[in-house]
Amino acid sequence: MNDMDVSWYRSKVDWWLGVILAAAPLVTFGALGASLVAGDSAGTTAAVVTCVVTVALYGLLVVPVRYGIARSELIVRFGVVRQRIPLASIVEVKPTRNPLSSPALSLDRLAVRTGPGFSAGTMISPADREAFLAMLATRAGLKRDGDRLVRA
């Protein structure tokens, strides 16, 4: 698949989550700086390990969070992970504020359901929701039903 065939949408970021995401590396690097200034070798070692773990987690699972709509699949990317959902398997897309863990940086989410059951699908939070829904409806053959998309 060519990246030119994919329309990408970034995740909406809630202000409070943005603060938390920014604070974690600032605190860890601040602790590293404080331990270096104090000359505390044990503290410096612990701070370096914490900084490495924080940067690794952000790079592996957090940055970037974006959603791509290709000709035949929805691509959910978070860090180095790519989840591919065939467009033909999507049965419903509806708004939700479910706080369960998902590749979304906002509680203003869309639940993408691919079948029956609790775990059949994912939750995402495209910043430009209307453009995302319009493109998804067109490419997936879904129809608009109020604030949700459904399989025709």
C-alpha atoms as a PDB file:
ATOM      1  CA  MET A   1       0.000   0.000   0.000  1.00  0.00           C
ATOM      2  CA  ASN A   2       1.273   3.416  -0.949  1.00  0.00           C
ATOM      3  CA  ASP A   3       1.157   6.113   1.752  1.00  0.00           C
ATOM      4  CA  MET A   4      -0.322   8.388  -0.929  1.00  0.00           C
ATOM      5  CA  ASP A   5      -3.471   6.236  -0.874  1.00  0.00           C
ATOM      6  CA  VAL A   6      -4.003   6.872   2.850  1.00  0.00           C
ATOM      7  CA  SER A   7      -5.787   9.891   4.356  1.00  0.00           C
ATOM      8  CA  TRP A   8      -4.250  10.508   7.796  1.00  0.00           C
ATOM      9  CA  TYR A   9      -5.986  12.138  10.771  1.00  0.00           C
ATOM     10  CA  ARG A  10      -4.202  13.065  13.992  1.00  0.00           C
ATOM     11  CA  SER A  11      -5.653  12.291  17.400  1.00  0.00           C
ATOM     12  CA  LYS A  12      -7.457  14.942  19.352  1.00  0.00           C
ATOM     13  CA  VAL A  13      -5.608  15.624  22.631  1.00  0.00           C
ATOM     14  CA  ASP A  14      -7.521  16.574  25.783  1.00  0.00           C
ATOM     15  CA  TRP A  15      -5.801  19.432  27.640  1.00  0.00           C
ATOM     16  CA  TRP A  16      -5.496  17.468  30.889  1.00  0.00           C
ATOM     17  CA  LEU A  17      -3.963  14.475  29.130  1.00  0.00           C
ATOM     18  CA  GLY A  18      -1.573  16.796  27.305  1.00  0.00           C
ATOM     19  CA  VAL A  19      -0.446  18.146  30.683  1.00  0.00           C
ATOM     20  CA  ILE A  20       0.115  14.619  32.011  1.00  0.00           C
ATOM     21  CA  LEU A  21       1.960  13.553  28.865  1.00  0.00           C
ATOM     22  CA  ALA A  22       4.190  16.626  29.040  1.00  0.00           C
ATOM     23  CA  ALA A  23       4.749  16.376  32.800  1.00  0.00           C
ATOM     24  CA  ALA A  24       6.102  12.820  32.861  1.00  0.00           C
ATOM     25  CA  PRO A  25       9.246  13.499  30.788  1.00  0.00           C
ATOM     26  CA  LEU A  26       9.736  16.899  32.423  1.00  0.00           C
ATOM     27  CA  VAL A  27       9.704  15.322  35.884  1.00  0.00           C
ATOM     28  CA  THR A  28      12.085  12.526  34.897  1.00  0.00           C
ATOM     29  CA  PHE A  29      14.547  14.882  33.200  1.00  0.00           C
ATOM     30  CA  GLY A  30      14.205  17.310  36.121  1.00  0.00           C
ATOM     31  CA  ALA A  31      15.134  14.502  38.512  1.00  0.00           C
ATOM     32  CA  LEU A  32      18.134  13.697  36.330  1.00  0.00           C
ATOM     33  CA  GLY A  33      19.254  17.317  36.411  1.00  0.00           C
ATOM     34  CA  ALA A  34      18.805  17.557  40.181  1.00  0.00           C
ATOM     35  CA  SER A  35      20.776  14.367  40.798  1.00  0.00           C
ATOM     36  CA  LEU A  36      23.583  15.564  38.499  1.00  0.00           C
ATOM     37  CA  VAL A  37      23.779  18.914  40.320  1.00  0.00           C
ATOM     38  CA  ALA A  38      23.764  17.164  43.700  1.00  0.00           C
ATOM     39  CA  GLY A  39      26.466  14.735  42.580  1.00  0.00           C
ATOM     40  CA  ASP A  40      24.343  11.757  43.650  1.00  0.00           C
ATOM     41  CA  SER A  41      25.590   8.860  41.506  1.00  0.00           C
ATOM     42  CA  ALA A  42      22.895   6.402  42.666  1.00  0.00           C
ATOM     43  CA  GLY A  43      20.190   9.010  42.034  1.00  0.00           C
ATOM     44  CA  THR A  44      21.690   9.814  38.639  1.00  0.00           C
ATOM     45  CA  THR A  45      21.665   6.137  37.670  1.00  0.00           C
ATOM     46  CA  ALA A  46      18.037   5.767  38.729  1.00  0.00           C
ATOM     47  CA  ALA A  47      17.084   8.975  36.906  1.00  0.00           C
ATOM     48  CA  VAL A  48      18.852   7.876  33.697  1.00  0.00           C
ATOM     49  CA  VAL A  49      17.017   4.525  33.780  1.00  0.00           C
ATOM     50  CA  THR A  50      13.702   6.341  34.369  1.00  0.00           C
ATOM     51  CA  CYS A  51      14.411   8.754  31.483  1.00  0.00           C
ATOM     52  CA  VAL A  52      15.254   5.889  29.129  1.00  0.00           C
ATOM     53  CA  VAL A  53      12.106   3.971  30.097  1.00  0.00           C
ATOM     54  CA  THR A  54       9.938   7.091  29.675  1.00  0.00           C
ATOM     55  CA  VAL A  55      11.373   7.937  26.255  1.00  0.00           C
ATOM     56  CA  ALA A  56      11.068   4.293  25.157  1.00  0.00           C
ATOM     57  CA  LEU A  57       7.418   4.081  26.230  1.00  0.00           C
ATOM     58  CA  TYR A  58       6.549   7.329  24.459  1.00  0.00           C
ATOM     59  CA  GLY A  59       8.370   6.249  21.301  1.00  0.00           C
ATOM     60  CA  LEU A  60       6.953   2.731  21.317  1.00  0.00           C
ATOM     61  CA  LEU A  61       3.336   3.407  22.301  1.00  0.00           C
ATOM     62  CA  VAL A  62       2.410   7.085  22.344  1.00  0.00           C
ATOM     63  CA  VAL A  63       3.979   9.206  19.609  1.00  0.00           C
ATOM     64  CA  PRO A  64       2.461   9.454  17.074  1.00  0.00           C
ATOM     65  CA  VAL A  65      -1.213   8.617  17.536  1.00  0.00           C
ATOM     66  CA  ARG A  66      -2.993   8.920  14.214  1.00  0.00           C
ATOM     67  CA  TYR A  67      -5.582   7.206  12.092  1.00  0.00           C
ATOM     68  CA  GLY A  68      -5.351   6.424   8.387  1.00  0.00           C
ATOM     69  CA  ILE A  69      -8.132   5.547   6.009  1.00  0.00           C
ATOM     70  CA  ALA A  70      -6.852   3.560   3.054  1.00  0.00           C
ATOM     71  CA  ARG A  71      -8.877   2.087   0.195  1.00  0.00           C
ATOM     72  CA  SER A  72      -9.624  -1.135   2.085  1.00  0.00           C
ATOM     73  CA  GLU A  73      -8.578  -0.633   5.710  1.00  0.00           C
ATOM     74  CA  LEU A  74      -8.571   1.672   8.705  1.00  0.00           C
ATOM     75  CA  ILE A  75      -5.058   1.999  10.109  1.00  0.00           C
ATOM     76  CA  VAL A  76      -4.769   2.889  13.789  1.00  0.00           C
ATOM     77  CA  ARG A  77      -1.198   3.912  14.588  1.00  0.00           C
ATOM     78  CA  PHE A  78       0.123   4.500  18.089  1.00  0.00           C
ATOM     79  CA  GLY A  79       3.885   4.632  18.452  1.00  0.00           C
ATOM     80  CA  VAL A  80       5.358   1.765  16.436  1.00  0.00           C
ATOM     81  CA  VAL A  81       2.130  -0.266  16.602  1.00  0.00           C
ATOM     82  CA  ARG A  82      -0.190  -0.383  13.601  1.00  0.00           C
ATOM     83  CA  GLN A  83      -3.597  -1.960  13.928  1.00  0.00           C
ATOM     84  CA  ARG A  84      -5.238  -2.684  10.564  1.00  0.00           C
ATOM     85  CA  ILE A  85      -9.020  -3.001  10.435  1.00  0.00           C
ATOM     86  CA  PRO A  86     -10.592  -4.076   7.134  1.00  0.00           C
ATOM     87  CA  LEU A  87     -13.191  -1.475   6.153  1.00  0.00           C
ATOM     88  CA  ALA A  88     -15.586  -4.250   5.152  1.00  0.00           C
ATOM     89  CA  SER A  89     -15.551  -5.541   8.764  1.00  0.00           C
ATOM     90  CA  ILE A  90     -16.755  -2.253  10.290  1.00  0.00           C
ATOM     91  CA  VAL A  91     -20.420  -2.521  11.252  1.00  0.00           C
ATOM     92  CA  GLU A  92     -20.836   0.677  13.293  1.00  0.00           C
ATOM     93  CA  VAL A  93     -18.974   3.823  14.336  1.00  0.00           C
ATOM     94  CA  LYS A  94     -20.513   5.819  17.169  1.00  0.00           C
ATOM     95  CA  PRO A  95     -19.481   8.522  19.645  1.00  0.00           C
ATOM     96  CA  THR A  96     -18.403   7.429  23.115  1.00  0.00           C
ATOM     97  CA  ARG A  97     -16.691   8.821  26.182  1.00  0.00           C
ATOM     98  CA  ASN A  98     -15.606   5.396  27.436  1.00  0.00           C
ATOM     99  CA  PRO A  99     -12.401   5.867  29.492  1.00  0.00           C
ATOM    100  CA  LEU A 100     -11.010   2.368  28.892  1.00  0.00           C
ATOM    101  CA  SER A 101      -7.517   2.179  27.466  1.00  0.00           C
ATOM    102  CA  SER A 102      -7.380   2.747  23.736  1.00  0.00           C
ATOM    103  CA  PRO A 103      -5.221   4.429  21.072  1.00  0.00           C
ATOM    104  CA  ALA A 104      -6.907   7.789  21.702  1.00  0.00           C
ATOM    105  CA  LEU A 105      -5.568  10.898  23.436  1.00  0.00           C
ATOM    106  CA  SER A 106      -9.027  12.268  24.199  1.00  0.00           C
ATOM    107  CA  LEU A 107     -12.202  11.034  25.840  1.00  0.00           C
ATOM    108  CA  ASP A 108     -14.117  12.520  22.885  1.00  0.00           C
ATOM    109  CA  ARG A 109     -13.950   9.206  21.051  1.00  0.00           C
ATOM    110  CA  LEU A 110     -15.449   7.124  18.319  1.00  0.00           C
ATOM    111  CA  ALA A 111     -16.124   3.457  19.005  1.00  0.00           C
ATOM    112  CA  VAL A 112     -15.380   1.466  15.867  1.00  0.00           C
ATOM    113  CA  ARG A 113     -17.274  -1.823  16.151  1.00  0.00           C
ATOM    114  CA  THR A 114     -16.305  -4.735  13.924  1.00  0.00           C
ATOM    115  CA  GLY A 115     -18.589  -7.430  15.272  1.00  0.00           C
ATOM    116  CA  PRO A 116     -20.490  -8.673  18.297  1.00  0.00           C
ATOM    117  CA  GLY A 117     -18.900  -8.682  21.725  1.00  0.00           C
ATOM    118  CA  PHE A 118     -17.021  -6.324  23.976  1.00  0.00           C
ATOM    119  CA  SER A 119     -13.597  -6.629  22.349  1.00  0.00           C
ATOM    120  CA  ALA A 120     -14.687  -6.495  18.698  1.00  0.00           C
ATOM    121  CA  GLY A 121     -13.354  -3.088  17.717  1.00  0.00           C
ATOM    122  CA  THR A 122     -11.417  -0.148  19.066  1.00  0.00           C
ATOM    123  CA  MET A 123     -11.879   3.437  20.224  1.00  0.00           C
ATOM    124  CA  ILE A 124     -10.205   6.350  18.473  1.00  0.00           C
ATOM    125  CA  SER A 125     -10.294  10.153  18.743  1.00  0.00           C
ATOM    126  CA  PRO A 126      -9.685  11.916  15.422  1.00  0.00           C
ATOM    127  CA  ALA A 127      -9.244  15.673  15.856  1.00  0.00           C
ATOM    128  CA  ASP A 128     -11.194  16.444  12.681  1.00  0.00           C
ATOM    129  CA  ARG A 129     -14.089  14.114  13.451  1.00  0.00           C
ATOM    130  CA  GLU A 130     -16.431  15.283  10.687  1.00  0.00           C
ATOM    131  CA  ALA A 131     -13.865  14.953   7.898  1.00  0.00           C
ATOM    132  CA  PHE A 132     -12.803  11.562   9.290  1.00  0.00           C
ATOM    133  CA  LEU A 133     -16.405  10.284   9.395  1.00  0.00           C
ATOM    134  CA  ALA A 134     -17.125  11.569   5.874  1.00  0.00           C
ATOM    135  CA  MET A 135     -14.044   9.838   4.434  1.00  0.00           C
ATOM    136  CA  LEU A 136     -14.707   6.634   6.386  1.00  0.00           C
ATOM    137  CA  ALA A 137     -18.340   6.542   5.241  1.00  0.00           C
ATOM    138  CA  THR A 138     -17.304   6.969   1.616  1.00  0.00           C
ATOM    139  CA  ARG A 139     -14.504   4.398   1.607  1.00  0.00           C
ATOM    140  CA  ALA A 140     -16.204   1.817   3.862  1.00  0.00           C
ATOM    141  CA  GLY A 141     -19.670   2.049   2.314  1.00  0.00           C
ATOM    142  CA  LEU A 142     -21.253   3.132   5.599  1.00  0.00           C
ATOM    143  CA  LYS A 143     -24.268   5.409   5.881  1.00  0.00           C
ATOM    144  CA  ARG A 144     -24.818   8.269   8.278  1.00  0.00           C
ATOM    145  CA  ASP A 145     -27.466   7.669  10.953  1.00  0.00           C
ATOM    146  CA  GLY A 146     -27.532  10.760  13.172  1.00  0.00           C
ATOM    147  CA  ASP A 147     -24.156  10.979  14.914  1.00  0.00           C
ATOM    148  CA  ARG A 148     -23.050   7.482  13.938  1.00  0.00           C
ATOM    149  CA  LEU A 149     -22.160   5.444  10.874  1.00  0.00           C
ATOM    150  CA  VAL A 150     -23.745   2.060  10.200  1.00  0.00           C
ATOM    151  CA  ARG A 151     -23.368  -0.670   7.617  1.00  0.00           C
ATOM    152  CA  ALA A 152     -26.021  -0.110   4.933  1.00  0.00           C
END
